[in-house]
Amino acid sequence: MSKLIFWLVVILLLAIGAVVAWWWFDGRWHPQTIKKSETEIANLLNSSGYVTPGLGGPKAYIIVFRSCPDCVRYVAEELPKLQAAGVDTRIIAVARADVGGEPKSTAAERTTVAELWLNHQNWPLWEQWNSVAPEAWTAPGLTPADGDLARTAIVEAGRKGVADLRRLLAANGVQVGESGVKYPTVIWWTKDGEMRACACEDPRTYRFVRQDLGAKDRAP
């Protein structure tokens, strides 16, 4: 009887170890399927100031701020793969709010965010901005957002939208930060119509987005 108990304990420990190993190496990187407030999330995304390359395939919303290193990596590594599969990569750029009196965005960043939100089709501006180091960008030729009530309101609308998304995504088990969503946050629909979301800070999350959207592991 004691041997039976011993082997049952061993089997139980092995099973627990296998589950923990699966979660650590694979499970924790899986995206979350959105089951709560899907319509509200979709409305927030559709009404945001996303900028699009105008591709005709499935939609993927990618929430970023320009100086975010994880966002820079995701845009550089994954957008070519997704776009090669026809995915309409809709960038939602935000200028983060100040925290404790410390600015988290620059005047040029706020200006560019406002401009992108005003014109969904200005993908060339996004590409131009993305091709320059964040600290070197001066938003040439754009109307400054600071001092312009309408454009400042647009910047604030982006911040509020992120705060609303944070609450709704958290209710669906998506990892969020203390003051907003983690960046980049990617939200998309599978071919079966399920909405999914990922706090895609880590490259180990990337493959799940590609799989759902039919993109290859390497861009042509």
Protein backbone atom coordinates (compact mmCIF):
# COMPACT_ATOMS: atom_id res chain seq x y z
CA MET A 1 0.00 0.00 0.00
CA SER A 2 2.84 2.35 0.85
CA LYS A 3 4.41 1.71 -2.56
CA LEU A 4 1.15 2.55 -4.27
CA ILE A 5 0.91 5.83 -2.37
CA PHE A 6 4.53 6.57 -3.21
CA TRP A 7 3.99 6.09 -6.94
CA LEU A 8 0.76 8.07 -6.88
CA VAL A 9 2.64 10.96 -5.28
CA VAL A 10 5.41 10.64 -7.89
CA ILE A 11 2.89 10.66 -10.74
CA LEU A 12 1.09 13.64 -9.23
CA LEU A 13 4.33 15.59 -8.86
CA LEU A 14 5.34 14.75 -12.43
CA ALA A 15 1.96 15.90 -13.71
CA ILE A 16 2.21 19.15 -11.77
CA GLY A 17 5.74 19.64 -13.08
CA ALA A 18 4.58 19.06 -16.66
CA VAL A 19 1.78 21.61 -16.30
CA VAL A 20 4.11 24.19 -14.77
CA ALA A 21 6.71 23.57 -17.49
CA TRP A 22 4.06 23.93 -20.23
CA TRP A 23 2.81 27.18 -18.74
CA TRP A 24 6.32 28.60 -18.28
CA PHE A 25 7.64 27.74 -21.74
CA ASP A 26 4.47 28.01 -23.82
CA GLY A 27 1.14 28.63 -22.12
CA ARG A 28 1.87 32.06 -20.70
CA TRP A 29 2.62 33.43 -24.16
CA HIS A 30 -0.75 32.48 -25.65
CA PRO A 31 -3.16 35.31 -26.51
CA GLN A 32 -6.46 35.74 -24.72
CA THR A 33 -9.77 35.16 -26.46
CA ILE A 34 -12.04 38.11 -25.77
CA LYS A 35 -15.33 36.91 -24.32
CA LYS A 36 -16.47 40.00 -22.42
CA SER A 37 -17.38 43.41 -23.87
CA GLU A 38 -16.27 42.45 -27.39
CA THR A 39 -18.61 44.98 -29.01
CA GLU A 40 -17.42 47.77 -26.72
CA ILE A 41 -13.78 46.96 -27.48
CA ALA A 42 -14.48 46.83 -31.22
CA ASN A 43 -16.23 50.21 -31.06
CA LEU A 44 -13.27 51.75 -29.24
CA LEU A 45 -10.88 50.41 -31.87
CA ASN A 46 -13.00 51.49 -34.83
CA SER A 47 -13.51 54.99 -33.45
CA SER A 48 -9.84 55.48 -32.61
CA GLY A 49 -7.43 57.42 -34.78
CA TYR A 50 -5.74 54.38 -36.25
CA VAL A 51 -3.64 54.81 -39.37
CA THR A 52 -3.82 52.10 -42.00
CA PRO A 53 -1.90 51.00 -45.10
CA GLY A 54 -5.31 50.14 -46.60
CA LEU A 55 -4.76 46.42 -47.16
CA GLY A 56 -7.79 44.27 -47.82
CA GLY A 57 -7.13 41.34 -45.51
CA PRO A 58 -8.00 40.73 -41.87
CA LYS A 59 -7.62 43.61 -39.43
CA ALA A 60 -5.06 43.80 -36.65
CA TYR A 61 -4.99 46.82 -34.34
CA ILE A 62 -1.56 47.54 -32.86
CA ILE A 63 -1.40 50.03 -29.98
CA VAL A 64 2.00 51.68 -29.60
CA PHE A 65 3.85 54.71 -28.41
CA ARG A 66 6.73 55.76 -30.59
CA SER A 67 9.69 55.47 -28.20
CA CYS A 68 8.64 52.08 -26.81
CA PRO A 69 11.52 49.63 -27.54
CA ASP A 70 9.17 46.62 -27.65
CA CYS A 71 6.94 48.50 -30.10
CA VAL A 72 9.90 49.37 -32.31
CA ARG A 73 10.92 45.71 -32.41
CA TYR A 74 7.40 44.47 -33.13
CA VAL A 75 6.87 46.98 -35.93
CA ALA A 76 10.24 46.17 -37.51
CA GLU A 77 10.02 42.39 -37.23
CA GLU A 78 6.31 41.58 -37.55
CA LEU A 79 4.60 44.20 -39.71
CA PRO A 80 6.36 43.04 -42.91
CA LYS A 81 5.24 39.46 -42.25
CA LEU A 82 1.65 40.44 -41.51
CA GLN A 83 1.40 42.82 -44.44
CA ALA A 84 2.82 40.18 -46.80
CA ALA A 85 -0.22 38.10 -45.81
CA GLY A 86 -2.54 41.02 -46.62
CA VAL A 87 -3.25 41.89 -42.98
CA ASP A 88 -4.43 45.48 -42.55
CA THR A 89 -2.05 46.53 -39.78
CA ARG A 90 -3.88 49.42 -38.12
CA ILE A 91 -1.51 51.39 -35.93
CA ILE A 92 -3.01 53.25 -32.98
CA ALA A 93 -0.28 55.62 -31.83
CA VAL A 94 -0.75 57.32 -28.47
CA ALA A 95 1.12 60.03 -26.60
CA ARG A 96 1.24 58.96 -22.99
CA ALA A 97 0.02 61.26 -20.25
CA ASP A 98 2.37 62.85 -17.72
CA VAL A 99 2.98 60.84 -14.56
CA GLY A 100 3.65 62.69 -11.31
CA GLY A 101 4.47 65.85 -13.23
CA GLU A 102 7.01 64.02 -15.38
CA PRO A 103 6.28 64.23 -19.12
CA LYS A 104 5.99 60.89 -20.89
CA SER A 105 5.69 62.35 -24.39
CA THR A 106 7.32 65.12 -26.40
CA ALA A 107 5.69 68.04 -28.19
CA ALA A 108 6.66 66.52 -31.54
CA GLU A 109 5.11 63.20 -30.50
CA ARG A 110 1.84 64.82 -29.47
CA THR A 111 1.76 66.77 -32.73
CA THR A 112 2.28 63.66 -34.82
CA VAL A 113 -0.24 61.59 -32.89
CA ALA A 114 -2.88 64.29 -33.41
CA GLU A 115 -2.13 64.41 -37.13
CA LEU A 116 -2.35 60.63 -37.51
CA TRP A 117 -5.65 60.51 -35.63
CA LEU A 118 -7.06 63.16 -37.95
CA ASN A 119 -6.14 61.28 -41.11
CA HIS A 120 -6.49 57.48 -41.20
CA GLN A 121 -4.92 57.32 -44.65
CA ASN A 122 -1.68 59.08 -43.74
CA TRP A 123 0.34 55.88 -43.60
CA PRO A 124 3.31 57.64 -45.27
CA LEU A 125 3.54 59.95 -42.23
CA TRP A 126 3.68 56.94 -39.92
CA GLU A 127 6.43 55.42 -42.04
CA GLN A 128 8.34 58.69 -42.08
CA TRP A 129 8.06 59.02 -38.31
CA ASN A 130 9.00 55.39 -37.81
CA SER A 131 12.14 55.79 -39.94
CA VAL A 132 13.63 58.45 -37.64
CA ALA A 133 14.95 57.96 -34.12
CA PRO A 134 12.22 59.14 -31.69
CA GLU A 135 14.46 61.75 -30.07
CA ALA A 136 15.41 63.19 -33.47
CA TRP A 137 11.85 63.61 -34.77
CA THR A 138 10.67 67.22 -35.03
CA ALA A 139 7.29 66.72 -36.78
CA PRO A 140 8.29 68.90 -39.74
CA GLY A 141 5.47 70.74 -41.48
CA LEU A 142 2.79 69.59 -39.03
CA THR A 143 0.47 71.86 -37.05
CA PRO A 144 1.60 71.77 -33.39
CA ALA A 145 -0.85 70.08 -31.05
CA ASP A 146 0.21 72.11 -28.01
CA GLY A 147 -1.74 75.33 -27.95
CA ASP A 148 -4.34 73.99 -30.38
CA LEU A 149 -7.48 73.06 -28.42
CA ALA A 150 -8.84 70.69 -31.05
CA ARG A 151 -5.60 68.77 -31.49
CA THR A 152 -4.94 68.65 -27.77
CA ALA A 153 -8.42 67.17 -27.33
CA ILE A 154 -7.53 64.47 -29.86
CA VAL A 155 -4.40 63.55 -27.92
CA GLU A 156 -6.45 63.34 -24.73
CA ALA A 157 -9.05 61.20 -26.50
CA GLY A 158 -6.30 58.71 -27.32
CA ARG A 159 -5.24 58.56 -23.69
CA LYS A 160 -8.81 58.02 -22.54
CA GLY A 161 -9.30 55.31 -25.13
CA VAL A 162 -6.25 53.46 -23.80
CA ALA A 163 -7.57 53.73 -20.24
CA ASP A 164 -10.94 52.33 -21.34
CA LEU A 165 -9.27 49.49 -23.22
CA ARG A 166 -7.12 48.70 -20.19
CA ARG A 167 -10.21 48.09 -18.08
CA LEU A 168 -11.94 45.96 -20.71
CA LEU A 169 -8.87 43.92 -21.60
CA ALA A 170 -8.04 43.25 -17.97
CA ALA A 171 -11.51 41.79 -17.51
CA ASN A 172 -10.61 39.30 -20.24
CA GLY A 173 -7.34 38.25 -18.65
CA VAL A 174 -5.04 40.32 -20.85
CA GLN A 175 -1.97 41.58 -19.01
CA VAL A 176 -2.09 45.32 -18.49
CA GLY A 177 0.18 47.85 -16.86
CA GLU A 178 -0.63 50.04 -13.90
CA SER A 179 -1.29 53.17 -15.97
CA GLY A 180 -2.43 51.71 -19.29
CA VAL A 181 -2.19 48.75 -21.60
CA LYS A 182 1.17 47.13 -22.12
CA TYR A 183 2.81 48.09 -25.37
CA PRO A 184 2.52 46.90 -27.99
CA THR A 185 -0.97 45.53 -27.47
CA VAL A 186 -2.31 43.69 -30.51
CA ILE A 187 -6.01 42.97 -31.05
CA TRP A 188 -7.28 40.92 -33.99
CA TRP A 189 -9.93 38.47 -35.17
CA THR A 190 -9.37 34.83 -36.10
CA LYS A 191 -10.80 33.32 -39.29
CA ASP A 192 -13.57 31.90 -37.09
CA GLY A 193 -14.54 35.39 -35.96
CA GLU A 194 -13.09 35.25 -32.45
CA MET A 195 -11.52 38.43 -31.11
CA ARG A 196 -8.13 37.90 -29.54
CA ALA A 197 -5.67 40.16 -27.77
CA CYS A 198 -2.07 39.98 -26.75
CA ALA A 199 0.23 42.15 -24.66
CA CYS A 200 2.99 41.40 -27.16
CA GLU A 201 6.03 42.70 -25.31
CA ASP A 202 7.89 39.43 -25.64
CA PRO A 203 8.87 37.93 -29.03
CA ARG A 204 7.57 34.56 -27.83
CA THR A 205 4.04 35.92 -28.29
CA TYR A 206 4.52 36.84 -31.94
CA ARG A 207 3.95 33.43 -33.51
CA PHE A 208 0.42 33.15 -32.18
CA VAL A 209 -0.60 36.37 -33.90
CA ARG A 210 0.94 35.18 -37.17
CA GLN A 211 -0.77 31.80 -36.93
CA ASP A 212 -4.22 33.31 -36.43
CA LEU A 213 -3.76 35.81 -39.27
CA GLY A 214 -2.21 33.42 -41.77
CA ALA A 215 1.20 35.09 -41.87
CA LYS A 216 4.44 33.23 -42.44
CA ASP A 217 7.34 33.14 -40.03
CA ARG A 218 9.48 35.07 -42.48
CA ALA A 219 8.63 37.99 -44.68
CA PRO A 220 9.25 37.54 -48.43
